[in-house]
Amino acid sequence: TPKTVAVTGVTMSQATATGDIGKTVSLTATVAPEDATDKTVVWTSSDDKIATVKDGIVTFAAAGTADITATVGGKSASTKVTVKAPA
């Protein structure tokens, strides 16, 4: 039978991200160990009115802050995003 390798941790490519409304930023979630059986990342935003995320691409929607979280196999990591209104 194939051996199942559990996820031991997730790290984000950056701890924080800042940008203007309408901009995007690409985040990468790194799964440990390298040979984990299921590396499917579930991306969520703490506030879709501020920032939305799909496949690691964060779109800044409105001024404010939100946490973008990547969850894999019960482990998760977050990036705090700050969205600024254009000056």
N, C-alpha and C. Protein backbone atom coordinates (compact mmCIF):
# COMPACT_ATOMS: atom_id res chain seq x y z
N THR A 1 0.84 -1.19 0.00
CA THR A 1 0.00 0.00 0.00
C THR A 1 0.88 1.24 0.00
N PRO A 2 0.45 2.26 -0.71
CA PRO A 2 1.25 3.50 -0.74
C PRO A 2 1.27 4.14 0.65
N LYS A 3 2.43 4.66 0.99
CA LYS A 3 2.59 5.32 2.28
C LYS A 3 2.05 6.74 2.19
N THR A 4 1.25 7.14 3.17
CA THR A 4 0.75 8.51 3.21
C THR A 4 1.73 9.37 4.00
N VAL A 5 2.16 10.46 3.39
CA VAL A 5 3.07 11.39 4.06
C VAL A 5 2.27 12.62 4.46
N ALA A 6 2.14 12.83 5.77
CA ALA A 6 1.35 13.94 6.30
C ALA A 6 2.09 15.27 6.15
N VAL A 7 1.31 16.33 6.01
CA VAL A 7 1.87 17.68 5.97
C VAL A 7 2.30 18.05 7.39
N THR A 8 3.53 18.55 7.52
CA THR A 8 4.03 18.95 8.84
C THR A 8 4.02 20.47 9.01
N GLY A 9 3.92 21.19 7.90
CA GLY A 9 3.90 22.64 8.03
C GLY A 9 3.69 23.32 6.70
N VAL A 10 3.33 24.60 6.78
CA VAL A 10 3.13 25.44 5.60
C VAL A 10 3.81 26.77 5.89
N THR A 11 4.53 27.30 4.91
CA THR A 11 5.10 28.64 5.05
C THR A 11 4.68 29.48 3.85
N MET A 12 4.51 30.76 4.08
CA MET A 12 4.14 31.69 3.02
C MET A 12 5.39 32.37 2.47
N SER A 13 5.30 32.78 1.22
CA SER A 13 6.43 33.44 0.57
C SER A 13 6.74 34.81 1.17
N GLN A 14 5.75 35.42 1.81
CA GLN A 14 5.98 36.70 2.49
C GLN A 14 5.00 36.86 3.63
N ALA A 15 5.43 37.55 4.68
CA ALA A 15 4.60 37.71 5.88
C ALA A 15 3.58 38.82 5.72
N THR A 16 3.95 39.84 4.93
CA THR A 16 3.05 40.97 4.72
C THR A 16 3.08 41.37 3.24
N ALA A 17 2.03 42.04 2.81
CA ALA A 17 1.97 42.59 1.45
C ALA A 17 1.15 43.87 1.52
N THR A 18 1.59 44.86 0.76
CA THR A 18 0.91 46.15 0.74
C THR A 18 0.73 46.58 -0.71
N GLY A 19 -0.41 47.16 -1.01
CA GLY A 19 -0.63 47.65 -2.37
C GLY A 19 -1.86 48.52 -2.46
N ASP A 20 -2.03 49.10 -3.63
CA ASP A 20 -3.18 49.98 -3.88
C ASP A 20 -4.38 49.17 -4.36
N ILE A 21 -5.56 49.74 -4.17
CA ILE A 21 -6.80 49.14 -4.66
C ILE A 21 -6.64 48.84 -6.16
N GLY A 22 -7.06 47.66 -6.56
CA GLY A 22 -7.00 47.27 -7.96
C GLY A 22 -5.74 46.51 -8.34
N LYS A 23 -4.73 46.53 -7.49
CA LYS A 23 -3.48 45.82 -7.77
C LYS A 23 -3.61 44.37 -7.33
N THR A 24 -2.66 43.55 -7.75
CA THR A 24 -2.61 42.15 -7.32
C THR A 24 -1.22 41.83 -6.83
N VAL A 25 -1.14 40.77 -6.03
CA VAL A 25 0.15 40.24 -5.59
C VAL A 25 0.02 38.72 -5.61
N SER A 26 1.12 38.07 -5.97
CA SER A 26 1.12 36.61 -6.04
C SER A 26 1.83 36.05 -4.80
N LEU A 27 1.13 35.19 -4.07
CA LEU A 27 1.70 34.55 -2.89
C LEU A 27 1.95 33.07 -3.20
N THR A 28 2.98 32.53 -2.57
CA THR A 28 3.29 31.12 -2.73
C THR A 28 3.30 30.46 -1.36
N ALA A 29 2.62 29.32 -1.26
CA ALA A 29 2.64 28.54 -0.03
C ALA A 29 3.56 27.35 -0.26
N THR A 30 4.52 27.17 0.64
CA THR A 30 5.45 26.05 0.56
C THR A 30 5.04 25.02 1.59
N VAL A 31 4.84 23.79 1.11
CA VAL A 31 4.37 22.70 1.97
C VAL A 31 5.56 21.85 2.39
N ALA A 32 5.59 21.49 3.69
CA ALA A 32 6.61 20.58 4.21
C ALA A 32 5.92 19.34 4.73
N PRO A 33 6.52 18.18 4.60
CA PRO A 33 7.76 17.92 3.86
C PRO A 33 7.55 17.96 2.35
N GLU A 34 8.64 17.97 1.63
CA GLU A 34 8.63 18.04 0.17
C GLU A 34 7.80 16.92 -0.45
N ASP A 35 7.80 15.75 0.19
CA ASP A 35 7.10 14.58 -0.38
C ASP A 35 5.74 14.32 0.26
N ALA A 36 5.11 15.38 0.79
CA ALA A 36 3.77 15.23 1.38
C ALA A 36 2.82 14.67 0.33
N THR A 37 1.95 13.77 0.76
CA THR A 37 1.04 13.10 -0.16
C THR A 37 0.05 14.07 -0.80
N ASP A 38 -0.59 14.90 0.00
CA ASP A 38 -1.59 15.84 -0.51
C ASP A 38 -1.11 17.26 -0.29
N LYS A 39 -0.75 17.94 -1.38
CA LYS A 39 -0.26 19.31 -1.28
C LYS A 39 -1.30 20.32 -1.78
N THR A 40 -2.57 19.93 -1.74
CA THR A 40 -3.63 20.82 -2.20
C THR A 40 -3.77 22.00 -1.25
N VAL A 41 -3.58 23.20 -1.77
CA VAL A 41 -3.66 24.41 -0.95
C VAL A 41 -5.06 25.01 -1.07
N VAL A 42 -5.68 25.29 0.09
CA VAL A 42 -6.96 25.99 0.13
C VAL A 42 -6.67 27.42 0.57
N TRP A 43 -6.98 28.36 -0.30
CA TRP A 43 -6.73 29.78 -0.04
C TRP A 43 -7.99 30.46 0.48
N THR A 44 -7.85 31.27 1.54
CA THR A 44 -8.98 32.02 2.06
C THR A 44 -8.54 33.43 2.44
N SER A 45 -9.51 34.34 2.44
CA SER A 45 -9.29 35.71 2.88
C SER A 45 -10.17 35.95 4.10
N SER A 46 -9.63 36.67 5.08
CA SER A 46 -10.43 36.98 6.27
C SER A 46 -11.50 38.02 5.96
N ASP A 47 -11.35 38.76 4.86
CA ASP A 47 -12.34 39.77 4.49
C ASP A 47 -12.32 39.97 2.98
N ASP A 48 -13.27 39.32 2.29
CA ASP A 48 -13.33 39.40 0.83
C ASP A 48 -13.65 40.81 0.33
N LYS A 49 -14.15 41.69 1.20
CA LYS A 49 -14.41 43.07 0.78
C LYS A 49 -13.09 43.83 0.62
N ILE A 50 -12.06 43.43 1.38
CA ILE A 50 -10.75 44.10 1.35
C ILE A 50 -9.86 43.46 0.29
N ALA A 51 -9.75 42.13 0.33
CA ALA A 51 -8.88 41.41 -0.60
C ALA A 51 -9.45 40.03 -0.88
N THR A 52 -9.38 39.62 -2.13
CA THR A 52 -9.82 38.28 -2.51
C THR A 52 -8.60 37.48 -2.96
N VAL A 53 -8.71 36.16 -2.89
CA VAL A 53 -7.58 35.33 -3.30
C VAL A 53 -8.09 34.13 -4.08
N LYS A 54 -7.37 33.83 -5.16
CA LYS A 54 -7.67 32.65 -5.97
C LYS A 54 -6.33 32.08 -6.44
N ASP A 55 -6.06 30.84 -6.07
CA ASP A 55 -4.82 30.17 -6.46
C ASP A 55 -3.57 30.99 -6.13
N GLY A 56 -3.61 31.70 -4.99
CA GLY A 56 -2.44 32.45 -4.54
C GLY A 56 -2.34 33.86 -5.09
N ILE A 57 -3.23 34.22 -6.02
CA ILE A 57 -3.23 35.58 -6.56
C ILE A 57 -4.21 36.42 -5.74
N VAL A 58 -3.66 37.42 -5.05
CA VAL A 58 -4.47 38.27 -4.18
C VAL A 58 -4.83 39.54 -4.94
N THR A 59 -6.12 39.89 -4.96
CA THR A 59 -6.58 41.12 -5.59
C THR A 59 -7.02 42.09 -4.50
N PHE A 60 -6.42 43.27 -4.51
CA PHE A 60 -6.75 44.29 -3.52
C PHE A 60 -8.03 45.00 -3.96
N ALA A 61 -9.08 44.88 -3.13
CA ALA A 61 -10.41 45.36 -3.52
C ALA A 61 -10.82 46.68 -2.87
N ALA A 62 -10.44 46.89 -1.61
CA ALA A 62 -10.84 48.10 -0.89
C ALA A 62 -9.80 48.38 0.20
N ALA A 63 -9.75 49.64 0.62
CA ALA A 63 -8.78 50.03 1.64
C ALA A 63 -9.05 49.30 2.96
N GLY A 64 -7.99 48.82 3.59
CA GLY A 64 -8.11 48.13 4.87
C GLY A 64 -7.07 47.02 4.97
N THR A 65 -7.27 46.14 5.95
CA THR A 65 -6.34 45.03 6.12
C THR A 65 -7.13 43.72 6.14
N ALA A 66 -6.48 42.66 5.70
CA ALA A 66 -7.07 41.32 5.72
C ALA A 66 -5.95 40.30 5.83
N ASP A 67 -6.29 39.13 6.30
CA ASP A 67 -5.32 38.04 6.37
C ASP A 67 -5.64 37.04 5.27
N ILE A 68 -4.63 36.72 4.47
CA ILE A 68 -4.76 35.71 3.43
C ILE A 68 -4.13 34.44 4.00
N THR A 69 -4.89 33.36 4.03
CA THR A 69 -4.43 32.13 4.65
C THR A 69 -4.37 30.99 3.64
N ALA A 70 -3.28 30.24 3.70
CA ALA A 70 -3.14 29.02 2.90
C ALA A 70 -3.21 27.85 3.87
N THR A 71 -4.13 26.92 3.62
CA THR A 71 -4.28 25.76 4.48
C THR A 71 -4.03 24.49 3.67
N VAL A 72 -3.20 23.62 4.23
CA VAL A 72 -2.89 22.34 3.59
C VAL A 72 -2.85 21.27 4.67
N GLY A 73 -3.65 20.24 4.52
CA GLY A 73 -3.60 19.11 5.45
C GLY A 73 -3.72 19.49 6.91
N GLY A 74 -4.56 20.48 7.21
CA GLY A 74 -4.76 20.88 8.60
C GLY A 74 -3.74 21.88 9.12
N LYS A 75 -2.71 22.19 8.33
CA LYS A 75 -1.72 23.19 8.72
C LYS A 75 -1.97 24.44 7.90
N SER A 76 -1.64 25.61 8.47
CA SER A 76 -1.88 26.83 7.71
C SER A 76 -0.83 27.89 8.01
N ALA A 77 -0.76 28.86 7.11
CA ALA A 77 0.11 30.02 7.26
C ALA A 77 -0.63 31.20 6.66
N SER A 78 -0.31 32.41 7.15
CA SER A 78 -1.03 33.59 6.71
C SER A 78 -0.10 34.72 6.29
N THR A 79 -0.62 35.58 5.42
CA THR A 79 0.03 36.82 5.04
C THR A 79 -0.95 37.94 5.33
N LYS A 80 -0.48 38.96 6.06
CA LYS A 80 -1.34 40.12 6.35
C LYS A 80 -1.18 41.10 5.19
N VAL A 81 -2.31 41.43 4.55
CA VAL A 81 -2.26 42.39 3.45
C VAL A 81 -2.88 43.71 3.89
N THR A 82 -2.25 44.78 3.45
CA THR A 82 -2.74 46.13 3.71
C THR A 82 -3.03 46.77 2.36
N VAL A 83 -4.28 47.18 2.18
CA VAL A 83 -4.69 47.78 0.93
C VAL A 83 -4.86 49.28 1.15
N LYS A 84 -4.22 50.05 0.27
CA LYS A 84 -4.26 51.51 0.40
C LYS A 84 -5.13 52.10 -0.70
N ALA A 85 -5.87 53.13 -0.35
CA ALA A 85 -6.61 53.89 -1.36
C ALA A 85 -5.60 54.71 -2.14
N PRO A 86 -5.80 54.85 -3.45
CA PRO A 86 -4.86 55.67 -4.23
C PRO A 86 -4.79 57.10 -3.69
N ALA A 87 -3.60 57.64 -3.68
CA ALA A 87 -3.40 58.99 -3.14
C ALA A 87 -4.04 60.03 -4.03
